[in-house]
Protein backbone atom coordinates (compact mmCIF):
# COMPACT_ATOMS: atom_id res chain seq x y z
CA MET A 1 19.52 -27.50 -15.12
CA ARG A 2 19.30 -25.71 -12.04
CA ARG A 3 17.05 -23.02 -13.51
CA TYR A 4 14.00 -25.45 -13.97
CA PRO A 5 13.27 -25.95 -10.24
CA SER A 6 12.85 -22.31 -9.68
CA LEU A 7 11.16 -21.99 -12.64
CA LEU A 8 8.69 -24.70 -11.78
CA PHE A 9 8.34 -23.07 -8.18
CA ALA A 10 7.62 -19.47 -9.81
CA ALA A 11 4.87 -21.06 -11.86
CA PHE A 12 3.34 -22.92 -8.97
CA LEU A 13 3.71 -19.80 -6.63
CA ASP A 14 1.65 -18.27 -9.94
CA GLY A 15 -0.79 -20.91 -9.89
CA LEU A 16 -1.70 -20.30 -6.29
CA SER A 17 -1.93 -16.68 -6.75
CA HIS A 18 -4.34 -17.64 -9.81
CA GLY A 19 -6.59 -19.84 -7.19
CA LEU A 20 -6.69 -17.86 -4.22
CA SER A 21 -7.61 -14.64 -6.29
CA ARG A 22 -10.83 -16.28 -8.69
CA GLU A 23 -13.81 -14.45 -8.90
CA ASN A 24 -16.18 -17.75 -8.24
CA ALA A 25 -16.08 -17.59 -3.99
CA ALA A 26 -16.28 -21.62 -3.92
CA GLU A 27 -13.40 -22.02 -6.46
CA ALA A 28 -11.15 -19.42 -4.12
CA SER A 29 -12.40 -21.49 -0.63
CA ARG A 30 -11.01 -24.69 -2.57
CA ALA A 31 -7.71 -23.00 -3.63
CA VAL A 32 -7.58 -21.60 0.03
CA ASP A 33 -8.00 -25.08 1.40
CA LEU A 34 -5.65 -26.36 -0.93
CA VAL A 35 -2.82 -23.55 0.02
CA ASN A 36 -3.59 -24.54 3.48
CA SER A 37 -2.87 -28.24 3.11
CA LEU A 38 0.06 -27.31 1.51
CA ILE A 39 1.53 -25.42 3.89
CA GLN A 40 0.58 -27.70 6.98
CA ASP A 41 2.05 -30.83 4.85
CA LEU A 42 5.47 -28.70 4.56
CA ILE A 43 5.28 -28.14 8.51
CA VAL A 44 4.75 -32.06 9.02
CA LEU A 45 7.82 -32.98 7.32
CA TRP A 46 9.97 -30.03 9.18
CA GLY A 47 8.82 -31.55 12.32
CA SER A 48 9.39 -35.10 11.35
CA GLY A 49 12.92 -34.21 10.44
CA GLU A 50 12.69 -34.93 6.59
CA ALA A 51 13.50 -31.90 5.77
CA SER A 52 15.74 -29.62 7.10
CA THR A 53 14.84 -25.75 8.43
CA GLN A 54 17.48 -24.62 5.40
CA ASP A 55 14.81 -26.42 3.02
CA LEU A 56 11.63 -25.58 4.42
CA LEU A 57 12.23 -21.87 5.65
CA PRO A 58 13.08 -19.98 2.20
CA LEU A 59 9.93 -21.90 0.44
CA LEU A 60 7.89 -20.44 3.07
CA HIS A 61 9.28 -17.05 2.68
CA HIS A 62 8.65 -17.17 -1.11
CA VAL A 63 5.04 -18.13 -0.54
CA ALA A 64 4.49 -15.76 1.85
CA GLY A 65 6.15 -12.86 -0.02
CA ARG A 66 3.92 -13.55 -2.86
CA PHE A 67 0.74 -13.06 -0.37
CA SER A 68 1.92 -9.47 0.39
CA ALA A 69 2.56 -9.03 -3.32
CA LEU A 70 -1.11 -9.93 -3.96
CA CYS A 71 -2.10 -7.32 -1.38
CA LEU A 72 -0.43 -4.31 -3.89
CA ASP A 73 -2.34 -5.71 -7.15
CA GLU A 74 -4.79 -3.21 -8.58
CA SER A 75 -7.46 -5.96 -8.93
CA TRP A 76 -9.67 -6.07 -5.52
CA VAL A 77 -10.06 -10.00 -5.94
CA ARG A 78 -6.11 -10.33 -5.82
CA LYS A 79 -5.47 -7.83 -3.03
CA LYS A 80 -8.46 -10.08 -1.09
CA ALA A 81 -6.92 -13.33 -1.96
CA GLY A 82 -3.28 -12.23 -0.74
CA CYS A 83 -5.00 -11.02 2.81
CA SER A 84 -6.64 -14.60 2.84
CA GLY A 85 -3.02 -16.18 2.32
CA ILE A 86 -1.58 -13.88 4.84
CA LYS A 87 -4.05 -15.17 7.16
CA LEU A 88 -2.65 -18.73 6.66
CA ILE A 89 0.59 -17.41 7.14
CA LEU A 90 -0.29 -16.23 10.45
CA ASN A 91 -1.62 -19.60 11.73
CA LEU A 92 1.43 -21.40 11.59
CA PRO A 93 3.24 -22.10 14.33
CA ASP A 94 6.82 -20.45 14.81
CA PHE A 95 7.12 -19.22 11.40
CA GLY A 96 4.06 -17.35 11.45
CA ALA A 97 5.30 -15.42 14.55
CA LYS A 98 9.05 -14.69 13.22
CA TRP A 99 7.93 -14.01 9.66
CA ILE A 100 5.21 -11.31 10.96
CA ASN A 101 7.84 -9.78 13.68
CA ASP A 102 10.51 -9.08 10.91
CA ARG A 103 8.07 -7.47 8.48
CA GLU A 104 5.63 -5.80 10.85
CA VAL A 105 5.92 -2.49 9.61
CA ASP A 106 5.27 -3.51 6.00
CA LEU A 107 2.69 -5.55 6.59
CA VAL A 108 0.92 -3.04 8.54
CA ARG A 109 1.23 -0.60 5.30
CA THR A 110 0.21 -3.28 3.11
CA LEU A 111 -3.15 -4.03 5.14
CA LEU A 112 -3.59 -0.22 5.77
CA HIS A 113 -3.43 -0.13 1.61
CA VAL A 114 -5.86 -2.74 1.01
CA LEU A 115 -8.63 -1.14 3.45
CA LYS A 116 -8.03 2.41 1.57
CA ASP A 117 -8.64 0.63 -1.71
CA MET A 118 -12.02 -1.37 -0.65
CA PRO A 119 -15.01 -1.06 -1.88
CA HIS A 120 -17.43 0.20 0.65
CA ASP A 121 -20.39 -2.20 0.14
CA SER A 122 -18.77 -5.11 1.64
CA GLN A 123 -18.85 -5.04 5.81
CA ARG A 124 -17.53 -8.63 6.11
CA ASP A 125 -14.26 -8.21 4.16
CA ILE A 126 -13.81 -4.97 6.39
CA ASP A 127 -14.08 -7.06 9.60
CA ASP A 128 -11.89 -9.87 8.30
CA ILE A 129 -9.22 -7.47 6.87
CA LEU A 130 -9.17 -5.54 10.14
CA ASN A 131 -8.67 -8.67 12.18
CA THR A 132 -6.33 -9.81 10.16
CA LEU A 133 -4.36 -6.02 10.93
CA THR A 134 -4.97 -6.66 14.62
CA ARG A 135 -3.62 -10.25 14.70
CA VAL A 136 -0.29 -9.12 12.98
CA LEU A 137 -0.10 -6.63 16.10
CA ARG A 138 -0.57 -9.31 18.83
CA LEU A 139 1.61 -12.00 16.98
CA SER A 140 4.36 -9.48 16.52
CA ASN A 141 4.23 -7.62 20.06
CA VAL A 142 2.83 -9.59 22.48
CA ASN A 143 6.19 -12.02 22.61
CA SER A 144 8.17 -9.28 22.72
CA LEU A 145 5.96 -6.99 25.34
CA ALA A 146 8.99 -6.05 27.53
CA GLN A 147 10.76 -4.38 24.68
CA ILE A 148 8.05 -2.69 23.05
CA SER A 149 6.47 -1.69 26.20
CA GLU A 150 9.59 0.81 27.13
CA PRO A 151 8.39 4.34 26.61
CA GLY A 152 10.12 5.81 23.30
CA THR A 153 11.05 2.51 21.77
CA ALA A 154 11.63 2.94 17.95
CA LYS A 155 9.44 0.54 16.69
CA LEU A 156 6.32 1.53 19.13
CA ALA A 157 6.94 5.22 18.01
CA HIS A 158 7.03 3.86 14.58
CA LEU A 159 3.80 1.58 14.49
CA THR A 160 2.19 4.30 16.79
CA GLY A 161 2.56 7.20 14.00
CA ILE A 162 1.83 5.36 11.64
CA PHE A 163 -1.63 4.65 12.91
CA PHE A 164 -2.32 8.28 14.21
CA THR A 165 -1.52 9.90 10.60
CA GLU A 166 -4.91 7.49 9.37
CA LEU A 167 -7.14 9.10 12.19
CA SER A 168 -7.39 11.80 9.47
CA SER A 169 -7.89 9.53 6.58
CA SER A 170 -10.64 10.90 4.34
CA ASN A 171 -11.61 7.00 4.22
CA ALA A 172 -14.07 6.50 7.25
CA ILE A 173 -12.98 2.61 7.28
CA VAL A 174 -8.65 3.36 7.60
CA ARG A 175 -10.00 5.78 10.43
CA LYS A 176 -11.57 3.06 12.18
CA ALA A 177 -8.97 0.91 11.88
CA GLY A 178 -6.09 3.53 13.16
CA GLU A 179 -8.18 3.86 16.35
CA THR A 180 -8.81 0.21 16.73
CA CYS A 181 -4.88 -0.53 16.53
CA ILE A 182 -3.92 2.57 18.73
CA ALA A 183 -6.10 1.11 21.15
CA LEU A 184 -4.48 -2.37 20.78
CA LEU A 185 -1.07 -1.05 21.10
CA SER A 186 -2.51 0.63 24.26
CA GLU A 187 -3.50 -2.66 25.61
CA ILE A 188 -0.52 -4.83 24.50
CA THR A 189 2.28 -2.05 26.18
CA GLY A 190 0.07 -0.96 28.96
CA GLN A 191 0.49 2.95 28.19
CA THR A 192 -2.69 5.07 27.88
CA ILE A 193 -3.32 6.41 24.80
CA HIS A 194 -2.29 9.92 25.39
CA SER A 195 1.50 8.96 26.12
CA LEU A 196 1.83 7.03 23.06
CA LEU A 197 0.44 9.72 20.62
CA MET A 198 2.37 12.89 22.88
CA PRO A 199 5.67 12.27 20.64
CA HIS A 200 3.65 12.83 17.30
CA ARG A 201 1.42 15.41 19.01
CA GLU A 202 3.30 18.60 17.09
CA ARG A 203 3.71 17.15 13.84
CA MET A 204 -0.06 15.45 13.91
CA LEU A 205 -1.61 19.18 15.22
CA LEU A 206 0.69 21.44 12.78
CA GLY A 207 -0.58 19.25 9.75
CA ILE A 208 -4.27 20.00 11.10
CA TYR A 209 -3.83 23.58 11.89
CA THR A 210 -2.06 24.79 8.59
CA LYS A 211 -5.00 23.32 6.21
CA PRO A 212 -7.91 25.51 6.20
CA LEU A 213 -11.03 23.40 5.93
CA ARG A 214 -13.11 25.24 3.28
CA ALA A 215 -10.57 24.74 0.52
CA LEU A 216 -10.47 21.23 1.01
CA PRO A 217 -12.70 18.60 -0.42
CA PHE A 218 -15.62 17.32 1.83
CA PRO A 219 -13.93 14.20 2.44
CA ILE A 220 -10.60 15.43 3.65
CA GLN A 221 -12.51 18.14 5.62
CA ILE A 222 -14.46 15.21 7.36
CA GLY A 223 -10.96 13.35 8.01
CA ILE A 224 -9.07 16.61 9.55
CA ILE A 225 -12.36 17.06 11.96
CA GLU A 226 -12.73 13.35 12.97
CA ALA A 227 -9.02 13.17 14.28
CA MET A 228 -9.27 16.61 15.96
CA ARG A 229 -12.69 15.41 17.74
CA TYR A 230 -10.57 12.01 19.07
CA CYS A 231 -7.76 13.86 20.16
CA VAL A 232 -9.57 16.04 22.13
CA SER A 233 -11.80 13.31 23.62
CA LEU A 234 -8.90 11.87 24.97
CA ASP A 235 -7.90 11.60 28.75
CA PRO A 236 -6.49 14.52 28.97
CA PRO A 237 -7.13 15.89 25.58
CA LEU A 238 -4.14 16.00 23.79
CA PRO A 239 -4.15 19.41 22.00
CA GLU A 240 -3.92 22.33 24.16
CA LEU A 241 -6.06 25.16 24.36
CA ASN A 242 -4.91 27.86 22.08
CA ASP A 243 -5.77 30.29 19.06
CA GLU A 244 -5.54 27.15 16.79
CA LEU A 245 -7.54 25.29 18.36
CA LEU A 246 -10.25 27.59 18.59
CA ARG A 247 -9.85 28.81 15.05
CA LEU A 248 -10.62 25.63 13.91
CA LEU A 249 -13.37 24.97 16.25
CA HIS A 250 -15.37 28.63 14.89
CA GLU A 251 -14.70 26.69 11.27
CA ALA A 252 -16.57 23.72 12.21
CA LEU A 253 -19.41 26.09 13.98
CA ALA A 254 -19.34 27.38 11.05
CA LEU A 255 -19.83 24.29 9.21
CA ALA A 256 -22.45 22.92 11.10
CA ASP A 257 -24.45 25.92 11.06
CA ALA A 258 -23.83 26.57 6.88
CA GLU A 259 -26.94 26.21 4.73
CA ASP A 260 -26.41 23.02 1.79
CA ALA A 261 -26.21 25.87 -0.78
CA GLY A 262 -23.41 27.37 0.84
CA LEU A 263 -21.22 24.94 1.65
CA LEU A 264 -21.53 23.72 -1.89
CA SER A 265 -20.64 26.75 -3.59
CA ARG A 266 -17.78 26.71 -2.20
CA GLY A 267 -17.18 22.94 -3.40
CA SER A 268 -18.47 21.12 -6.43
CA ALA A 269 -22.41 21.30 -6.94
CA ARG A 270 -21.86 17.19 -7.81
CA GLN A 271 -21.17 16.39 -4.43
CA SER A 272 -23.77 14.50 -2.72
CA SER A 273 -26.20 15.83 0.13
CA LEU A 274 -24.69 12.50 2.09
CA ASP A 275 -21.06 14.10 2.01
CA ILE A 276 -22.97 17.30 3.44
CA THR A 277 -24.61 15.28 6.22
CA LYS A 278 -21.26 13.69 7.15
CA LEU A 279 -19.44 16.75 7.27
CA ARG A 280 -22.00 18.68 9.22
CA VAL A 281 -21.88 15.72 11.76
CA ALA A 282 -18.75 15.28 12.23
CA ALA A 283 -18.57 19.22 13.06
CA ILE A 284 -20.89 18.76 15.70
CA ARG A 285 -19.34 15.53 17.23
CA LEU A 286 -16.28 17.81 17.42
CA LEU A 287 -17.95 20.64 19.00
CA THR A 288 -19.19 18.21 21.64
CA ALA A 289 -16.23 16.81 22.35
CA SER A 290 -14.69 20.07 23.01
CA MET A 291 -17.21 21.35 25.32
CA PRO A 292 -15.45 19.99 28.52
CA ILE A 293 -11.72 22.04 27.45
CA THR A 294 -13.48 25.10 26.94
CA GLU A 295 -15.96 27.74 27.79
CA PHE A 296 -16.13 28.96 24.33
CA PHE A 297 -19.49 27.33 23.08
CA SER A 298 -20.95 28.45 26.31
CA LYS A 299 -21.22 31.92 24.81
CA GLN A 300 -22.68 30.36 21.63
CA PRO A 301 -26.55 30.30 21.56
CA GLN A 302 -26.55 27.95 18.25
CA THR A 303 -24.55 25.40 19.92
CA ARG A 304 -26.66 25.00 23.20
CA GLN A 305 -29.75 24.65 21.29
CA ARG A 306 -28.02 22.01 19.17
């Protein structure tokens, strides 16, 4: 007989997932309202003493866990539904912050996964999920500011390493998320972005310097160039002025000056002109950002003209 309550609850969770992931926006909105109402009723029971913490916390953990699992589904509608559910959990007093704090790294990875799979034609969804990601960081870290702000803490280093790696993503949305979250961690901890990233500098730069740009697909080239542009734009710049950096800047200069036909000859003829334009813009942005730290470009007439 004990199996029946658990089976019924599993069916109930399936129903919640189905409702939240409806294609029809109005139906999905009503499902969100229903889920929110049910959760609030549980909170009221908890506060009134009619149900114990031991009774309600496992239920909320199961519900919240189902929302996280939805984010990993192949369907974009179900991913979006999972994010909507996580937003509901974030708004729960006490429980929301505790649940987020216990699972912060996993949630960060989950929400970045959602951003990577997001269709490129939905700016509203981008802002919504990015706001959820930053709220996770704020809820988890603001209340433990004294602990996370200590230089070298494992938690801070782990989070920073995750976002630093995403700065070279081939996906512009994910790169934006990485920059936004690093800036937020700097704000929360009171540390400079430079000091946050320094422990990861050698690993990050090694990954950039060892990849020959011209042999890579355009989106990956753009991601690497944008990551380096971010690094050299910091005050002080993260990379040192050395042969590896100059070699990369030479490559960027060659990309900025190359004709479209020359770029296409090294890749696929089916690559769009938009990709080439983005690559050229990224290269010029890197060259411009690098000017304050090297006199290399003062000797390049092409760069002065640009």
